[in-house]
Amino acid sequence: MASRTKLLTELTVADLWKEVKDPEHLWGDLTPELMRTVKLLLHNRMYEELAQHLHAPRYARVPGRRGYRNGLYVRALTTTWGTIPDLEIPRARDGGFAPSVLPRYQRRTAAVDHLIRAVFLAGISTRRVGPTLAQLLGDTISPSTVSSITRTLDHAVAAWHRRPLSDTYQYLLLDGLSLRVKTPDGAKRRLILVAYGITTQGRRALIDYRLVRTESQGTWEAFLITLAARGLTGTRLALITTDGHRGLHAALDLVYATVPRQACWVHVLRNVVQRLRMRDRERCLHWARRIYDAPSRHAAETALRRWVRAWQPVAPTAVACVLRDWEALLAFYEVPRRDWRRVRTTNAIERAFREVRRRTRPMTCFTNTASCDRIIYAVMHYLNGQWQGRPLRRESTQNS
């Protein structure tokens, strides 16, 4: 007995799915249909808006009209679903008509610009963004277009540098890091001054940064004075950890003179290693680790004296590096024990800048200082967003 043909009202999803010839290519088959539907929707809407603008339907002769049609022009519009080719945009003779669904000169939707910025900030170089998104967008975005889109971040960067700061930080970590930036005189090293803070509630944040030519007392003073003027006066600061730069210490004497300071153990031990013979390095650092791993300041001072007695005859210049700042190296013992590992080094800033260096690795160096500013802001904004609402655990498992 032959099966009865179902009426359209009787068809189920299972019946419709049987019409799909190749499920693996379903989305590829749907995309052209979707684009045709969107194109038709935009056409109808623009012609409707033109009729409202002219107070006259198409092909109609009515009194009181406010103008006349003047043909159309064709434009391609790139969307996140693909590129709509030959999109017809009607015109009015007086030139005063602009459809609301497609602003004048727009060739991409806002979602496409957002996608391009996200891909660029994720680590794809300017020249590779277009080819990377070509299959998705149905069109290749030029490197110059990518650059112009990413320049829209400049307003957000400027606003971030001017935003008010809260005075809730208990610990402040300061460090200077170098990056390569192209200049008319070739690729040059530029310094990034970075401030990282931990609040009294255990929340961490990259507070701000400044791009400078050299790390000096003047540049650090300008940076710290700006932080204080924006609200970080330091009334709750219990400790400031630094990389040991003399210019930074001089600036701190001016801005946060009463706050105790902790010298970064990592920076000091790097200087120690440079003054040791290769065969002595591992054993010397193993002994030095007993100093900052001691359970109390008294035990740390005892371990320091033993280390000095053992290595003074072998490497006097290496010992001098530690003795020069020994009080600052042990300052972290004055804060709660749960915070010792977090504040005895500036490793938190170093870890944050690994993402910046990963992002710039495909570029070799930044094209200019504005590009450098945008990337650093984007990475810091991303990290701060990840840390928001996730306070540090009371017992850190991080090895500094």
Protein backbone atom coordinates (compact mmCIF):
# COMPACT_ATOMS: atom_id res chain seq x y z
CA MET A 1 0.00 0.00 0.00
CA ALA A 2 1.50 3.35 -1.07
CA SER A 3 2.26 5.82 1.71
CA ARG A 4 0.10 8.93 1.83
CA THR A 5 1.80 12.26 1.15
CA LYS A 6 1.66 14.41 4.27
CA LEU A 7 0.16 17.85 4.22
CA LEU A 8 2.42 20.79 5.10
CA THR A 9 0.55 21.22 8.37
CA GLU A 10 1.31 17.60 9.27
CA LEU A 11 5.08 17.75 8.75
CA THR A 12 7.26 17.27 11.83
CA VAL A 13 10.88 18.25 12.50
CA ALA A 14 11.92 14.66 11.77
CA ASP A 15 10.23 14.87 8.36
CA LEU A 16 11.99 18.12 7.55
CA TRP A 17 15.35 16.78 8.70
CA LYS A 18 15.09 13.94 6.16
CA GLU A 19 15.33 16.57 3.43
CA VAL A 20 18.86 17.45 4.57
CA LYS A 21 21.10 15.64 2.08
CA ASP A 22 24.42 16.02 3.93
CA PRO A 23 24.29 16.92 7.66
CA GLU A 24 28.05 17.62 7.70
CA HIS A 25 27.56 20.57 5.32
CA LEU A 26 24.33 21.81 6.89
CA TRP A 27 25.76 25.11 8.15
CA GLY A 28 27.50 25.78 4.87
CA ASP A 29 24.16 25.32 3.09
CA LEU A 30 22.29 27.51 5.56
CA THR A 31 24.67 30.48 5.37
CA PRO A 32 23.78 31.57 1.78
CA GLU A 33 20.09 31.30 2.62
CA LEU A 34 20.58 33.32 5.77
CA MET A 35 22.51 36.02 3.90
CA ARG A 36 19.81 36.27 1.23
CA THR A 37 17.17 36.65 3.94
CA VAL A 38 19.14 39.37 5.74
CA LYS A 39 19.81 41.15 2.45
CA LEU A 40 16.10 41.13 1.58
CA LEU A 41 15.20 42.40 5.06
CA LEU A 42 17.68 45.30 4.78
CA HIS A 43 16.48 46.20 1.28
CA ASN A 44 12.84 46.32 2.35
CA ARG A 45 13.63 48.35 5.43
CA MET A 46 15.73 50.94 3.54
CA TYR A 47 13.09 51.40 0.82
CA GLU A 48 10.44 51.78 3.51
CA GLU A 49 12.51 54.43 5.30
CA LEU A 50 13.04 56.30 2.02
CA ALA A 51 9.28 56.31 1.39
CA GLN A 52 8.73 57.78 4.86
CA HIS A 53 11.47 60.36 4.22
CA LEU A 54 9.89 61.46 0.92
CA HIS A 55 6.30 61.11 2.13
CA ALA A 56 5.63 59.16 -1.08
CA PRO A 57 5.48 55.40 -1.75
CA ARG A 58 7.43 53.99 -4.65
CA TYR A 59 5.95 54.75 -8.14
CA ALA A 60 3.23 56.88 -6.55
CA ARG A 61 2.26 60.42 -7.49
CA VAL A 62 0.96 62.04 -4.34
CA PRO A 63 0.62 65.68 -3.25
CA GLY A 64 2.79 66.93 -0.43
CA ARG A 65 5.85 64.80 -1.21
CA ARG A 66 9.20 66.14 0.08
CA GLY A 67 11.53 65.04 -2.64
CA TYR A 68 12.32 62.46 -5.29
CA ARG A 69 14.28 59.22 -5.55
CA ASN A 70 17.66 59.24 -7.22
CA GLY A 71 18.45 55.62 -7.98
CA LEU A 72 20.76 53.63 -5.75
CA TYR A 73 24.34 52.67 -5.14
CA VAL A 74 25.78 49.27 -4.28
CA ARG A 75 27.91 48.39 -1.28
CA ALA A 76 29.17 45.22 0.39
CA LEU A 77 28.47 44.83 4.10
CA THR A 78 30.60 42.51 6.23
CA THR A 79 28.77 40.83 9.12
CA THR A 80 29.67 38.06 11.55
CA TRP A 81 27.60 35.69 9.36
CA GLY A 82 29.55 36.61 6.25
CA THR A 83 29.71 39.38 3.66
CA ILE A 84 26.52 40.57 1.96
CA PRO A 85 27.50 41.49 -1.63
CA ASP A 86 25.74 44.04 -3.84
CA LEU A 87 23.61 45.54 -1.10
CA GLU A 88 21.40 48.14 -2.81
CA ILE A 89 21.14 51.43 -0.94
CA PRO A 90 18.49 53.86 -2.28
CA ARG A 91 19.20 57.58 -2.54
CA ALA A 92 17.16 60.77 -2.45
CA ARG A 93 17.82 63.54 -4.94
CA ASP A 94 18.49 66.12 -2.22
CA GLY A 95 21.13 63.84 -0.64
CA GLY A 96 19.56 64.12 2.79
CA PHE A 97 18.49 60.52 3.20
CA ALA A 98 20.56 58.07 5.29
CA PRO A 99 19.03 54.70 6.24
CA SER A 100 19.09 53.97 9.98
CA VAL A 101 19.89 50.29 9.45
CA LEU A 102 23.11 51.16 7.60
CA PRO A 103 24.89 54.36 8.62
CA ARG A 104 26.71 56.29 5.94
CA TYR A 105 30.09 54.86 4.90
CA GLN A 106 29.66 51.77 7.10
CA ARG A 107 31.09 48.61 5.53
CA ARG A 108 31.22 46.45 8.65
CA THR A 109 28.87 45.88 11.54
CA ALA A 110 29.96 46.84 15.06
CA ALA A 111 30.17 43.14 15.96
CA VAL A 112 32.79 42.63 13.22
CA ASP A 113 34.91 45.49 14.56
CA HIS A 114 34.67 43.98 18.04
CA LEU A 115 35.71 40.58 16.66
CA ILE A 116 38.71 42.08 14.86
CA ARG A 117 39.85 43.85 18.03
CA ALA A 118 39.45 40.65 20.06
CA VAL A 119 41.45 38.57 17.56
CA PHE A 120 44.18 41.22 17.38
CA LEU A 121 44.46 41.43 21.17
CA ALA A 122 44.49 37.63 21.44
CA GLY A 123 47.88 37.54 19.73
CA ILE A 124 47.30 37.65 15.96
CA SER A 125 49.48 40.20 14.17
CA THR A 126 47.91 43.00 12.14
CA ARG A 127 48.80 41.38 8.81
CA ARG A 128 47.39 38.00 9.79
CA VAL A 129 44.03 39.14 11.21
CA GLY A 130 42.45 39.47 7.74
CA PRO A 131 43.46 36.03 6.41
CA THR A 132 42.54 34.44 9.75
CA LEU A 133 38.96 35.77 9.63
CA ALA A 134 38.52 35.57 5.85
CA GLN A 135 36.68 32.24 5.86
CA LEU A 136 34.33 33.36 8.63
CA LEU A 137 33.60 36.84 7.27
CA GLY A 138 33.66 35.98 3.59
CA ASP A 139 36.03 38.88 2.96
CA THR A 140 39.65 39.78 3.73
CA ILE A 141 40.22 42.71 6.07
CA SER A 142 43.31 44.74 5.13
CA PRO A 143 46.09 45.41 7.66
CA SER A 144 45.41 49.16 7.44
CA THR A 145 41.75 48.54 8.32
CA VAL A 146 42.78 46.42 11.32
CA SER A 147 45.08 49.22 12.49
CA SER A 148 42.34 51.84 12.18
CA ILE A 149 39.92 49.62 14.13
CA THR A 150 42.37 48.99 16.95
CA ARG A 151 43.08 52.71 17.22
CA THR A 152 39.57 53.10 18.62
CA LEU A 153 40.99 51.70 21.87
CA ASP A 154 42.92 54.93 22.44
CA HIS A 155 39.97 56.66 24.13
CA ALA A 156 39.52 53.72 26.50
CA VAL A 157 43.25 53.76 27.31
CA ALA A 158 43.22 57.49 28.10
CA ALA A 159 40.14 57.13 30.31
CA TRP A 160 41.74 54.22 32.19
CA HIS A 161 44.85 56.29 32.94
CA ARG A 162 42.65 59.07 34.36
CA ARG A 163 40.19 57.01 36.40
CA PRO A 164 39.98 57.64 40.18
CA LEU A 165 41.78 55.13 42.40
CA SER A 166 40.63 53.75 45.74
CA ASP A 167 42.87 53.96 48.79
CA THR A 168 42.14 50.38 49.91
CA TYR A 169 45.48 48.82 49.00
CA GLN A 170 47.47 47.09 51.73
CA TYR A 171 50.44 46.09 49.58
CA LEU A 172 51.93 47.87 46.58
CA LEU A 173 54.36 46.19 44.16
CA LEU A 174 56.40 48.41 41.83
CA ASP A 175 58.63 47.27 38.99
CA GLY A 176 60.02 48.43 35.67
CA LEU A 177 60.00 46.17 32.62
CA SER A 178 61.41 46.71 29.14
CA LEU A 179 59.83 46.20 25.71
CA ARG A 180 61.04 46.92 22.19
CA VAL A 181 59.35 49.74 20.27
CA LYS A 182 60.07 50.93 16.72
CA THR A 183 61.31 54.53 16.42
CA PRO A 184 62.63 56.62 13.49
CA ASP A 185 66.08 55.73 14.84
CA GLY A 186 65.38 51.97 14.80
CA ALA A 187 63.98 49.58 17.41
CA LYS A 188 64.64 50.88 20.92
CA ARG A 189 64.05 49.62 24.43
CA ARG A 190 61.31 51.41 26.30
CA LEU A 191 60.55 51.02 30.00
CA ILE A 192 57.13 50.24 31.45
CA LEU A 193 56.64 51.38 35.05
CA VAL A 194 54.00 49.14 36.63
CA ALA A 195 52.02 49.36 39.89
CA TYR A 196 50.31 46.21 41.22
CA GLY A 197 48.26 46.24 44.41
CA ILE A 198 46.58 43.89 46.88
CA THR A 199 43.69 45.34 48.88
CA THR A 200 42.88 44.76 52.52
CA GLN A 201 40.23 42.25 51.35
CA GLY A 202 42.84 40.26 49.40
CA ARG A 203 41.80 41.49 45.96
CA ARG A 204 44.62 42.00 43.48
CA ALA A 205 44.77 44.46 40.59
CA LEU A 206 47.17 45.94 38.09
CA ILE A 207 46.61 49.55 39.10
CA ASP A 208 48.32 51.46 36.30
CA TYR A 209 51.43 51.70 34.15
CA ARG A 210 53.45 54.34 32.36
CA LEU A 211 55.59 54.08 29.23
CA VAL A 212 58.89 56.00 29.65
CA ARG A 213 62.24 56.28 27.92
CA THR A 214 64.35 55.58 31.00
CA GLU A 215 63.78 54.37 34.54
CA SER A 216 64.90 57.27 36.72
CA GLN A 217 63.91 59.14 39.84
CA GLY A 218 62.07 61.72 37.74
CA THR A 219 59.95 59.20 35.84
CA TRP A 220 59.07 57.27 38.99
CA GLU A 221 58.20 60.50 40.82
CA ALA A 222 55.83 61.59 38.06
CA PHE A 223 54.17 58.17 38.02
CA LEU A 224 53.76 57.90 41.81
CA ILE A 225 52.55 61.48 42.20
CA THR A 226 49.86 60.77 39.61
CA LEU A 227 48.72 57.69 41.55
CA ALA A 228 48.54 59.67 44.77
CA ALA A 229 46.66 62.54 43.11
CA ARG A 230 44.07 60.11 41.76
CA GLY A 231 43.32 58.74 45.23
CA LEU A 232 46.00 56.20 46.17
CA THR A 233 47.39 58.25 49.06
CA GLY A 234 48.74 55.19 50.88
CA THR A 235 46.95 55.58 54.22
CA ARG A 236 46.44 51.80 54.42
CA LEU A 237 49.68 50.65 52.83
CA ALA A 238 51.59 48.23 55.06
CA LEU A 239 54.44 47.43 52.64
CA ILE A 240 55.81 48.44 49.25
CA THR A 241 57.85 45.88 47.31
CA THR A 242 60.34 47.26 44.77
CA ASP A 243 62.94 46.03 42.32
CA GLY A 244 65.64 47.93 44.20
CA HIS A 245 66.14 50.72 41.66
CA ARG A 246 67.77 53.71 43.38
CA GLY A 247 65.67 56.23 41.48
CA LEU A 248 62.50 54.46 42.63
CA HIS A 249 63.60 54.61 46.26
CA ALA A 250 64.28 58.33 45.94
CA ALA A 251 60.80 58.82 44.47
CA LEU A 252 59.23 56.81 47.29
CA ASP A 253 60.99 59.06 49.81
CA LEU A 254 58.98 61.90 48.32
CA VAL A 255 55.55 60.28 47.80
CA TYR A 256 55.23 57.36 50.26
CA ALA A 257 58.02 58.15 52.66
CA THR A 258 56.48 56.52 55.77
CA VAL A 259 55.57 53.15 54.21
CA PRO A 260 58.00 50.26 54.91
CA ARG A 261 59.77 48.80 51.87
CA GLN A 262 60.58 45.27 50.83
CA ALA A 263 63.40 44.55 48.36
CA CYS A 264 62.53 41.95 45.75
CA TRP A 265 64.41 38.72 46.49
CA VAL A 266 64.41 37.67 42.85
CA HIS A 267 66.18 40.84 41.70
CA VAL A 268 68.75 40.61 44.49
CA LEU A 269 69.55 36.96 43.81
CA ARG A 270 69.96 37.69 40.11
CA ASN A 271 72.67 40.16 41.05
CA VAL A 272 74.21 37.56 43.36
CA VAL A 273 74.32 34.92 40.60
CA GLN A 274 76.17 37.27 38.27
CA ARG A 275 78.98 37.51 40.83
CA LEU A 276 79.39 33.77 41.42
CA ARG A 277 81.38 31.14 39.63
CA MET A 278 79.24 28.74 37.65
CA ARG A 279 80.10 25.80 39.92
CA ASP A 280 79.07 27.73 43.06
CA ARG A 281 75.71 29.08 41.92
CA GLU A 282 73.39 26.23 42.77
CA ARG A 283 74.86 25.62 46.22
CA CYS A 284 74.97 29.34 47.10
CA LEU A 285 71.33 29.90 46.11
CA HIS A 286 70.30 26.81 48.09
CA TRP A 287 71.87 28.34 51.20
CA ALA A 288 70.29 31.73 50.46
CA ARG A 289 66.85 30.14 50.21
CA ARG A 290 67.09 29.24 53.89
CA ILE A 291 67.06 32.97 54.69
CA TYR A 292 63.68 33.87 53.18
CA ASP A 293 62.16 30.47 53.99
CA ALA A 294 62.89 30.91 57.70
CA PRO A 295 59.82 30.76 59.98
CA SER A 296 60.59 34.11 61.69
CA ARG A 297 62.70 37.20 61.31
CA HIS A 298 65.03 36.05 64.09
CA ALA A 299 65.60 32.73 62.31
CA ALA A 300 66.11 34.58 59.02
CA GLU A 301 68.78 36.82 60.55
CA THR A 302 70.54 33.72 61.94
CA ALA A 303 70.44 32.07 58.49
CA LEU A 304 71.77 35.28 56.94
CA ARG A 305 74.77 35.38 59.29
CA ARG A 306 75.58 31.75 58.49
CA TRP A 307 75.33 32.42 54.78
CA VAL A 308 77.63 35.44 55.06
CA ARG A 309 80.25 33.49 57.03
CA ALA A 310 80.19 30.66 54.48
CA TRP A 311 80.38 32.77 51.31
CA GLN A 312 82.27 35.89 52.32
CA PRO A 313 85.68 34.30 51.63
CA VAL A 314 84.47 32.73 48.34
CA ALA A 315 82.40 35.53 46.77
CA PRO A 316 82.70 38.81 48.70
CA THR A 317 81.03 40.90 45.97
CA ALA A 318 78.01 38.55 45.90
CA VAL A 319 77.67 38.80 49.68
CA ALA A 320 77.89 42.59 49.45
CA CYS A 321 74.78 42.60 47.17
CA VAL A 322 72.74 41.02 49.97
CA LEU A 323 74.22 42.96 52.87
CA ARG A 324 73.57 46.27 51.10
CA ASP A 325 69.77 45.76 51.44
CA TRP A 326 69.49 43.09 54.12
CA GLU A 327 66.98 45.03 56.25
CA ALA A 328 64.70 45.64 53.27
CA LEU A 329 65.03 41.97 52.28
CA LEU A 330 63.57 40.91 55.64
CA ALA A 331 60.85 43.58 55.87
CA PHE A 332 58.15 41.10 54.79
CA TYR A 333 58.37 39.39 58.20
CA GLU A 334 56.48 42.35 59.69
CA VAL A 335 53.24 41.53 57.80
CA PRO A 336 50.94 38.53 58.39
CA ARG A 337 52.56 35.21 57.57
CA ARG A 338 49.90 34.30 54.99
CA ASP A 339 51.15 37.19 52.80
CA TRP A 340 54.89 36.54 52.96
CA ARG A 341 55.21 34.79 49.62
CA ARG A 342 53.08 37.37 47.86
CA VAL A 343 55.04 40.43 48.95
CA ARG A 344 58.68 39.36 49.13
CA THR A 345 59.10 39.57 45.33
CA THR A 346 57.60 41.45 42.38
CA ASN A 347 56.91 38.15 40.61
CA ALA A 348 53.20 39.02 40.31
CA ILE A 349 54.08 41.80 37.85
CA GLU A 350 56.50 39.55 35.96
CA ARG A 351 53.81 36.89 35.54
CA ALA A 352 51.31 39.46 34.26
CA PHE A 353 53.79 40.70 31.68
CA ARG A 354 54.36 37.21 30.31
CA GLU A 355 51.03 37.68 28.55
CA VAL A 356 52.22 41.00 27.09
CA ARG A 357 55.41 39.38 25.80
CA ARG A 358 53.44 36.43 24.41
CA ARG A 359 51.21 38.89 22.60
CA THR A 360 54.16 40.80 21.10
CA ARG A 361 56.23 37.76 20.14
CA PRO A 362 54.72 37.52 16.61
CA MET A 363 55.42 41.25 16.11
CA THR A 364 59.11 41.19 17.24
CA CYS A 365 58.54 44.70 18.57
CA PHE A 366 55.79 47.32 18.80
CA THR A 367 55.17 49.50 15.76
CA ASN A 368 54.98 52.66 17.88
CA THR A 369 54.33 53.79 21.44
CA ALA A 370 50.57 54.08 20.86
CA SER A 371 50.44 50.44 19.78
CA CYS A 372 52.45 49.50 22.86
CA ASP A 373 50.02 51.43 25.06
CA ARG A 374 46.99 49.70 23.54
CA ILE A 375 48.34 46.17 23.97
CA ILE A 376 49.44 46.71 27.57
CA TYR A 377 46.08 48.24 28.45
CA ALA A 378 44.21 45.35 26.82
CA VAL A 379 46.21 42.70 28.70
CA MET A 380 45.85 44.52 32.04
CA HIS A 381 42.13 45.06 31.46
CA TYR A 382 41.73 41.35 30.70
CA LEU A 383 43.71 40.22 33.78
CA ASN A 384 41.86 42.61 36.10
CA GLY A 385 38.59 41.27 34.76
CA GLN A 386 39.71 37.70 35.44
CA TRP A 387 40.74 38.57 39.00
CA GLN A 388 37.59 40.53 39.82
CA GLY A 389 35.50 38.71 42.40
CA ARG A 390 38.29 36.16 43.00
CA PRO A 391 40.23 37.28 46.09
CA LEU A 392 43.54 35.64 46.85
CA ARG A 393 43.41 32.59 49.09
CA ARG A 394 44.52 33.14 52.63
CA GLU A 395 47.27 30.54 52.17
CA SER A 396 49.19 31.00 48.95
CA THR A 397 50.57 27.97 47.12
CA GLN A 398 52.68 30.06 44.75
CA ASN A 399 56.43 29.63 44.86
CA SER A 400 58.23 32.92 44.63
